[in-house]
Amino acid sequence: MSENRSAGDVAIPRRDDLENARQVIRAHLRPTPVDPGAGTPGDPGLKLESLQPTGSFKVRGALNAVAAAPGTRVVTASAGNHGLGVAYAAGRLGRRATVVVPETASVAKVDGLRRLHVDLVRTGDGFDEAEEHALALAEAPGCHYISAYNDPYVIAGQGTIGHELDEQFDGPLTVVCAIGGGGLASGLGLWAAGRADVRVVGVEAAASTAVSAAVAAGRRVPVEVGPTLADGLAGNIEPGSATIGLVARHVHQLVTVTEDEIRAALRYLAAERGHVAEGAGAVPVAALLAGKVAVHGRVVAVVSGRNITPAALAAVLAAGEAAPAAS
């Protein structure tokens, strides 16, 4: 990373950092496939990050960050998917890792972490408390903290999705992605900054709107976080997060979706497209199906993850089957 680019004490990545990340990630991951669909809001193209080996796009940023991390141990806090990515990366790169997750973390994600060679710590009622504990652990000698989103290497790693889209779709494009802490949207925004024919749209769960609140205020604004199927998006963001400015500069539209809209998107992906997604992975599709996205050219939704318990997915699908038909 270049010097003299910081938000607080976090360096801000540039577009050339995405190319460096691309070299790291190509050594360990294959490009994820796409389901082209019709490329319309009602039948969007799908970038299937859900087919990553950890079930989520977050393995990209984790690989790039772990490869660059000093010290002998990496420490992170995660709602689950970033932790899975760090654990996978640590295994591939021969590093030691501690992952802190909240007690409320998805059972599917916790079970996945237990199958990997990682020191797993469960603490706190939500992501904010887990993050506080992880930061304290990272103060030990030889440890390095990797944020799930507020890390220049993580942001650059997530942006490598754009390099694959360059080869998979012709422009103009509207690329729609989920926003929790803003790492994915920031990385895609940096990629899109080099293409005049690409718009990036970020989608939050209405129950957790920390990034849009921060962008509107020009600084971090603590928000109340409610329960959501998109558990991977839930939580506040770090003070001085680099993603606030990056999203403000490079993301063209921010929208929110309701829990009912997320459920409808999960049903659509499973029944109409044949793909399993978790709540956070479905929010871009939810926004498109609800008509909330201003579209420019072909539409691509990033299905960012699949780590949902069978019981949770079955409940969503069963509720849809039980709903009365529209008159």
Protein backbone atom coordinates (compact mmCIF):
# COMPACT_ATOMS: atom_id res chain seq x y z
CA MET A 1 0.00 0.00 0.00
CA SER A 2 1.19 3.48 -0.78
CA GLU A 3 2.03 5.89 2.04
CA ASN A 4 0.20 9.07 3.08
CA ARG A 5 -3.26 7.75 2.37
CA SER A 6 -5.19 7.29 5.57
CA ALA A 7 -8.54 7.52 7.29
CA GLY A 8 -7.62 7.66 10.94
CA ASP A 9 -4.75 5.16 11.04
CA VAL A 10 -6.04 3.00 8.16
CA ALA A 11 -4.46 3.36 4.72
CA ILE A 12 -6.85 3.97 1.84
CA PRO A 13 -6.29 1.63 -1.13
CA ARG A 14 -6.01 2.87 -4.70
CA ARG A 15 -6.96 1.16 -7.94
CA ASP A 16 -3.43 -0.12 -8.52
CA ASP A 17 -3.66 -1.96 -5.19
CA LEU A 18 -6.46 -4.04 -6.72
CA GLU A 19 -4.04 -5.37 -9.33
CA ASN A 20 -1.61 -6.44 -6.60
CA ALA A 21 -4.48 -8.18 -4.80
CA ARG A 22 -5.47 -9.87 -8.02
CA GLN A 23 -2.09 -11.58 -8.21
CA VAL A 24 -2.42 -12.88 -4.64
CA ILE A 25 -5.93 -14.19 -5.13
CA ARG A 26 -5.32 -15.79 -8.52
CA ALA A 27 -2.70 -17.99 -6.85
CA HIS A 28 -5.34 -19.51 -4.55
CA LEU A 29 -8.85 -19.09 -6.00
CA ARG A 30 -10.52 -19.77 -9.31
CA PRO A 31 -12.82 -17.09 -10.77
CA THR A 32 -16.38 -17.60 -9.58
CA PRO A 33 -18.98 -18.36 -12.26
CA VAL A 34 -21.92 -16.26 -13.32
CA ASP A 35 -25.54 -17.06 -14.02
CA PRO A 36 -26.25 -14.59 -16.84
CA GLY A 37 -30.03 -14.52 -16.59
CA ALA A 38 -31.66 -11.95 -18.87
CA GLY A 39 -29.69 -9.13 -17.25
CA THR A 40 -32.82 -7.23 -16.24
CA PRO A 41 -33.93 -6.09 -12.77
CA GLY A 42 -36.47 -8.91 -12.70
CA ASP A 43 -33.95 -11.49 -13.94
CA PRO A 44 -30.49 -10.13 -13.11
CA GLY A 45 -27.17 -11.61 -13.94
CA LEU A 46 -25.72 -13.23 -10.83
CA LYS A 47 -22.07 -13.23 -9.79
CA LEU A 48 -21.92 -16.37 -7.67
CA GLU A 49 -19.49 -15.59 -4.87
CA SER A 50 -21.60 -18.08 -2.93
CA LEU A 51 -19.53 -20.76 -4.70
CA GLN A 52 -16.25 -19.73 -3.07
CA PRO A 53 -14.65 -22.55 -1.01
CA THR A 54 -15.78 -20.85 2.22
CA GLY A 55 -19.23 -20.04 0.82
CA SER A 56 -18.57 -16.28 0.71
CA PHE A 57 -16.72 -13.52 -1.16
CA LYS A 58 -14.90 -12.60 2.05
CA VAL A 59 -12.20 -15.17 1.38
CA ARG A 60 -10.81 -12.73 -1.24
CA GLY A 61 -10.05 -9.92 1.16
CA ALA A 62 -8.91 -12.36 3.82
CA LEU A 63 -6.32 -13.96 1.55
CA ASN A 64 -4.94 -10.59 0.52
CA ALA A 65 -4.81 -9.30 4.10
CA VAL A 66 -3.33 -12.44 5.67
CA ALA A 67 -0.65 -12.56 2.96
CA ALA A 68 0.41 -9.01 3.90
CA ALA A 69 0.03 -9.28 7.69
CA PRO A 70 3.07 -8.93 9.97
CA GLY A 71 3.54 -11.00 13.10
CA THR A 72 2.92 -14.66 13.79
CA ARG A 73 -0.84 -14.61 14.47
CA VAL A 74 -3.77 -12.84 12.86
CA VAL A 75 -6.83 -11.95 14.92
CA THR A 76 -10.23 -10.93 13.65
CA ALA A 77 -13.85 -10.42 14.67
CA SER A 78 -16.56 -11.69 12.39
CA ALA A 79 -20.24 -12.45 12.09
CA GLY A 80 -18.95 -15.62 10.45
CA ASN A 81 -17.99 -15.26 6.79
CA HIS A 82 -14.93 -13.08 7.26
CA GLY A 83 -13.78 -15.44 9.98
CA LEU A 84 -14.17 -18.37 7.60
CA GLY A 85 -12.12 -16.47 5.04
CA VAL A 86 -9.34 -15.67 7.52
CA ALA A 87 -9.27 -19.29 8.71
CA TYR A 88 -9.05 -20.56 5.13
CA ALA A 89 -6.35 -18.03 4.26
CA ALA A 90 -4.34 -18.85 7.38
CA GLY A 91 -4.43 -22.53 6.46
CA ARG A 92 -3.32 -21.88 2.88
CA LEU A 93 -0.57 -19.47 3.91
CA GLY A 94 0.71 -21.30 6.98
CA ARG A 95 -0.36 -18.66 9.53
CA ARG A 96 -1.98 -18.94 12.98
CA ALA A 97 -5.38 -17.32 13.44
CA THR A 98 -7.86 -16.42 16.18
CA VAL A 99 -11.45 -15.68 15.16
CA VAL A 100 -13.89 -14.03 17.58
CA VAL A 101 -17.59 -14.37 16.81
CA PRO A 102 -20.65 -13.24 18.80
CA GLU A 103 -22.71 -15.79 20.68
CA THR A 104 -25.49 -14.97 18.22
CA ALA A 105 -23.43 -15.93 15.13
CA SER A 106 -25.08 -18.21 12.59
CA VAL A 107 -24.82 -21.88 13.53
CA ALA A 108 -23.86 -22.68 9.93
CA LYS A 109 -20.90 -20.29 10.10
CA VAL A 110 -19.77 -21.42 13.54
CA ASP A 111 -19.88 -25.06 12.43
CA GLY A 112 -17.77 -24.13 9.41
CA LEU A 113 -15.19 -22.42 11.61
CA ARG A 114 -14.97 -25.44 13.88
CA ARG A 115 -13.98 -27.56 10.87
CA LEU A 116 -11.00 -25.31 10.15
CA HIS A 117 -7.69 -25.00 11.96
CA VAL A 118 -8.41 -21.83 13.93
CA ASP A 119 -8.71 -20.71 17.54
CA LEU A 120 -12.42 -19.89 17.85
CA VAL A 121 -13.70 -17.54 20.57
CA ARG A 122 -17.44 -16.94 21.07
CA THR A 123 -18.36 -13.88 23.12
CA GLY A 124 -20.85 -11.01 23.24
CA ASP A 125 -24.44 -10.50 22.17
CA GLY A 126 -23.52 -8.98 18.81
CA PHE A 127 -20.72 -8.08 16.44
CA ASP A 128 -19.78 -4.87 18.27
CA GLU A 129 -18.90 -6.75 21.48
CA ALA A 130 -17.05 -9.48 19.58
CA GLU A 131 -15.02 -6.83 17.78
CA GLU A 132 -14.07 -5.10 21.04
CA HIS A 133 -12.81 -8.40 22.46
CA ALA A 134 -10.84 -9.23 19.30
CA LEU A 135 -9.15 -5.83 19.33
CA ALA A 136 -8.04 -6.46 22.92
CA LEU A 137 -6.63 -9.88 22.00
CA ALA A 138 -4.75 -8.36 19.06
CA GLU A 139 -2.74 -6.14 21.42
CA ALA A 140 -0.67 -9.18 22.44
CA PRO A 141 2.88 -9.35 21.02
CA GLY A 142 3.12 -10.94 17.59
CA CYS A 143 -0.58 -10.44 16.82
CA HIS A 144 -2.10 -8.43 13.97
CA TYR A 145 -5.77 -7.44 13.75
CA ILE A 146 -7.58 -7.76 10.41
CA SER A 147 -10.85 -5.88 10.18
CA ALA A 148 -13.66 -7.47 8.19
CA TYR A 149 -13.96 -4.25 6.14
CA ASN A 150 -11.76 -1.40 7.47
CA ASP A 151 -8.51 -2.75 6.09
CA PRO A 152 -6.88 -1.65 2.82
CA TYR A 153 -5.86 -5.19 1.85
CA VAL A 154 -9.35 -6.52 2.55
CA ILE A 155 -10.94 -3.75 0.46
CA ALA A 156 -8.53 -4.34 -2.43
CA GLY A 157 -9.16 -8.08 -2.27
CA GLN A 158 -12.93 -7.63 -2.51
CA GLY A 159 -12.45 -5.35 -5.50
CA THR A 160 -10.98 -8.22 -7.51
CA ILE A 161 -14.54 -9.34 -8.18
CA GLY A 162 -14.58 -6.46 -10.66
CA HIS A 163 -11.61 -7.85 -12.58
CA GLU A 164 -13.57 -11.05 -13.15
CA LEU A 165 -16.67 -9.11 -14.18
CA ASP A 166 -14.53 -7.38 -16.83
CA GLU A 167 -14.16 -10.75 -18.52
CA GLN A 168 -17.67 -12.05 -17.86
CA PHE A 169 -19.97 -9.16 -18.83
CA ASP A 170 -19.85 -6.44 -21.45
CA GLY A 171 -20.75 -2.91 -20.34
CA PRO A 172 -22.53 -0.78 -19.53
CA LEU A 173 -23.22 -2.40 -16.16
CA THR A 174 -25.07 -1.78 -12.92
CA VAL A 175 -23.41 -3.92 -10.25
CA VAL A 176 -25.49 -4.35 -7.10
CA CYS A 177 -23.89 -5.58 -3.87
CA ALA A 178 -24.61 -5.86 -0.16
CA ILE A 179 -23.27 -3.36 2.38
CA GLY A 180 -22.51 -4.19 5.99
CA GLY A 181 -19.22 -2.47 6.82
CA GLY A 182 -18.69 -1.36 3.23
CA GLY A 183 -15.60 -3.35 2.25
CA LEU A 184 -17.19 -5.01 -0.77
CA ALA A 185 -18.85 -1.83 -2.03
CA SER A 186 -15.61 0.12 -1.52
CA GLY A 187 -13.58 -2.42 -3.48
CA LEU A 188 -16.09 -2.59 -6.30
CA GLY A 189 -16.32 1.20 -6.31
CA LEU A 190 -12.54 1.48 -6.74
CA TRP A 191 -12.71 -0.94 -9.67
CA ALA A 192 -15.64 0.92 -11.23
CA ALA A 193 -13.79 4.22 -10.92
CA GLY A 194 -11.73 3.07 -13.89
CA ARG A 195 -14.79 2.32 -16.03
CA ALA A 196 -17.11 5.11 -17.07
CA ASP A 197 -19.82 2.59 -18.04
CA VAL A 198 -20.20 0.94 -14.61
CA ARG A 199 -22.43 2.00 -11.72
CA VAL A 200 -22.18 0.39 -8.27
CA VAL A 201 -25.24 0.23 -6.02
CA GLY A 202 -24.98 -0.77 -2.35
CA VAL A 203 -27.82 -2.42 -0.45
CA GLU A 204 -28.23 -2.48 3.32
CA ALA A 205 -30.74 -4.34 5.47
CA ALA A 206 -33.18 -1.79 6.88
CA ALA A 207 -32.39 -3.20 10.32
CA SER A 208 -28.72 -2.11 10.09
CA THR A 209 -27.89 1.10 8.25
CA ALA A 210 -24.53 2.17 9.69
CA VAL A 211 -22.85 2.94 6.37
CA SER A 212 -25.62 5.02 4.80
CA ALA A 213 -25.97 6.96 8.07
CA ALA A 214 -22.24 7.65 8.09
CA VAL A 215 -22.19 8.70 4.44
CA ALA A 216 -25.11 11.08 5.03
CA ALA A 217 -23.42 12.60 8.09
CA GLY A 218 -19.87 12.57 6.73
CA ARG A 219 -18.69 10.65 9.80
CA ARG A 220 -19.46 7.54 11.81
CA VAL A 221 -22.93 7.70 13.38
CA PRO A 222 -23.88 4.91 15.80
CA VAL A 223 -27.19 3.35 14.78
CA GLU A 224 -29.57 0.96 16.45
CA VAL A 225 -29.19 -2.51 14.97
CA GLY A 226 -32.18 -4.81 14.85
CA PRO A 227 -32.54 -8.52 14.10
CA THR A 228 -32.22 -9.43 10.45
CA LEU A 229 -31.95 -12.46 8.19
CA ALA A 230 -28.92 -10.65 6.73
CA ASP A 231 -26.86 -11.34 9.85
CA GLY A 232 -23.63 -10.79 7.93
CA LEU A 233 -24.57 -7.12 7.49
CA ALA A 234 -25.60 -6.38 11.06
CA GLY A 235 -23.53 -4.07 13.27
CA ASN A 236 -22.01 -0.63 13.58
CA ILE A 237 -18.73 0.39 11.95
CA GLU A 238 -15.36 1.37 13.39
CA PRO A 239 -14.59 5.04 14.09
CA GLY A 240 -12.60 6.51 11.20
CA SER A 241 -13.48 3.67 8.85
CA ALA A 242 -11.94 4.16 5.41
CA THR A 243 -15.07 2.72 3.83
CA ILE A 244 -17.17 5.81 4.63
CA GLY A 245 -15.24 8.04 2.25
CA LEU A 246 -14.78 5.34 -0.37
CA VAL A 247 -18.49 4.57 -0.49
CA ALA A 248 -19.34 8.27 -0.60
CA ARG A 249 -16.99 8.83 -3.55
CA HIS A 250 -17.42 5.69 -5.60
CA VAL A 251 -20.82 4.10 -4.90
CA HIS A 252 -23.56 5.64 -7.00
CA GLN A 253 -26.64 4.71 -4.97
CA LEU A 254 -27.45 3.33 -1.51
CA VAL A 255 -30.76 1.62 -0.80
CA THR A 256 -32.28 -0.51 1.98
CA VAL A 257 -34.44 -3.60 1.92
CA THR A 258 -36.93 -4.99 4.41
CA GLU A 259 -37.00 -8.44 5.94
CA ASP A 260 -39.96 -9.41 3.74
CA GLU A 261 -38.03 -8.31 0.66
CA ILE A 262 -35.03 -10.39 1.75
CA ARG A 263 -37.26 -13.44 2.19
CA ALA A 264 -38.76 -12.92 -1.26
CA ALA A 265 -35.27 -12.75 -2.76
CA LEU A 266 -34.20 -15.98 -1.02
CA ARG A 267 -37.26 -17.71 -2.44
CA TYR A 268 -36.62 -16.31 -5.92
CA LEU A 269 -32.99 -17.42 -5.91
CA ALA A 270 -33.88 -20.94 -4.77
CA ALA A 271 -37.05 -21.54 -6.77
CA GLU A 272 -36.43 -19.53 -9.94
CA ARG A 273 -32.65 -19.63 -10.30
CA GLY A 274 -31.60 -22.75 -8.39
CA HIS A 275 -29.15 -21.04 -6.03
CA VAL A 276 -28.82 -21.19 -2.25
CA ALA A 277 -28.03 -17.84 -0.65
CA GLU A 278 -27.89 -16.51 2.88
CA GLY A 279 -29.76 -13.35 3.80
CA ALA A 280 -26.82 -11.02 3.16
CA GLY A 281 -26.19 -12.71 -0.16
CA ALA A 282 -29.76 -12.08 -1.26
CA VAL A 283 -30.10 -8.37 -0.46
CA PRO A 284 -28.91 -7.13 -3.89
CA VAL A 285 -31.55 -9.30 -5.55
CA ALA A 286 -34.11 -8.11 -3.00
CA ALA A 287 -33.48 -4.49 -3.99
CA LEU A 288 -33.78 -5.30 -7.69
CA LEU A 289 -37.00 -7.29 -7.32
CA ALA A 290 -38.48 -4.45 -5.25
CA GLY A 291 -37.67 -1.92 -7.97
CA LYS A 292 -35.37 0.17 -5.77
CA VAL A 293 -32.32 0.32 -8.04
CA ALA A 294 -31.71 2.94 -10.74
CA VAL A 295 -30.46 0.74 -13.59
CA HIS A 296 -27.88 1.64 -16.22
CA GLY A 297 -27.27 -1.08 -18.81
CA ARG A 298 -27.00 -4.73 -17.89
CA VAL A 299 -27.70 -5.66 -14.27
CA VAL A 300 -25.46 -7.91 -12.17
CA ALA A 301 -26.21 -8.82 -8.55
CA VAL A 302 -23.34 -10.12 -6.43
CA VAL A 303 -24.67 -13.15 -4.53
CA SER A 304 -22.09 -12.78 -1.81
CA GLY A 305 -22.65 -15.88 0.33
CA ARG A 306 -24.54 -19.12 0.90
CA ASN A 307 -23.93 -19.85 4.61
CA ILE A 308 -27.47 -20.23 5.90
CA THR A 309 -28.71 -23.12 8.03
CA PRO A 310 -30.99 -25.60 6.24
CA ALA A 311 -33.64 -24.96 8.89
CA ALA A 312 -33.60 -21.19 8.32
CA LEU A 313 -33.81 -21.56 4.55
CA ALA A 314 -36.56 -24.18 4.83
CA ALA A 315 -38.59 -21.85 7.03
CA VAL A 316 -38.34 -19.05 4.47
CA LEU A 317 -39.31 -21.35 1.62
CA ALA A 318 -42.18 -22.91 3.56
CA ALA A 319 -43.55 -19.51 4.49
CA GLY A 320 -43.62 -18.59 0.81
CA GLU A 321 -45.50 -21.74 -0.08
CA ALA A 322 -48.01 -21.08 2.67
CA ALA A 323 -48.68 -17.49 1.60
CA PRO A 324 -52.07 -16.97 -0.07
CA ALA A 325 -52.03 -16.37 -3.79
CA ALA A 326 -52.46 -12.79 -4.94
CA SER A 327 -55.96 -12.05 -6.18
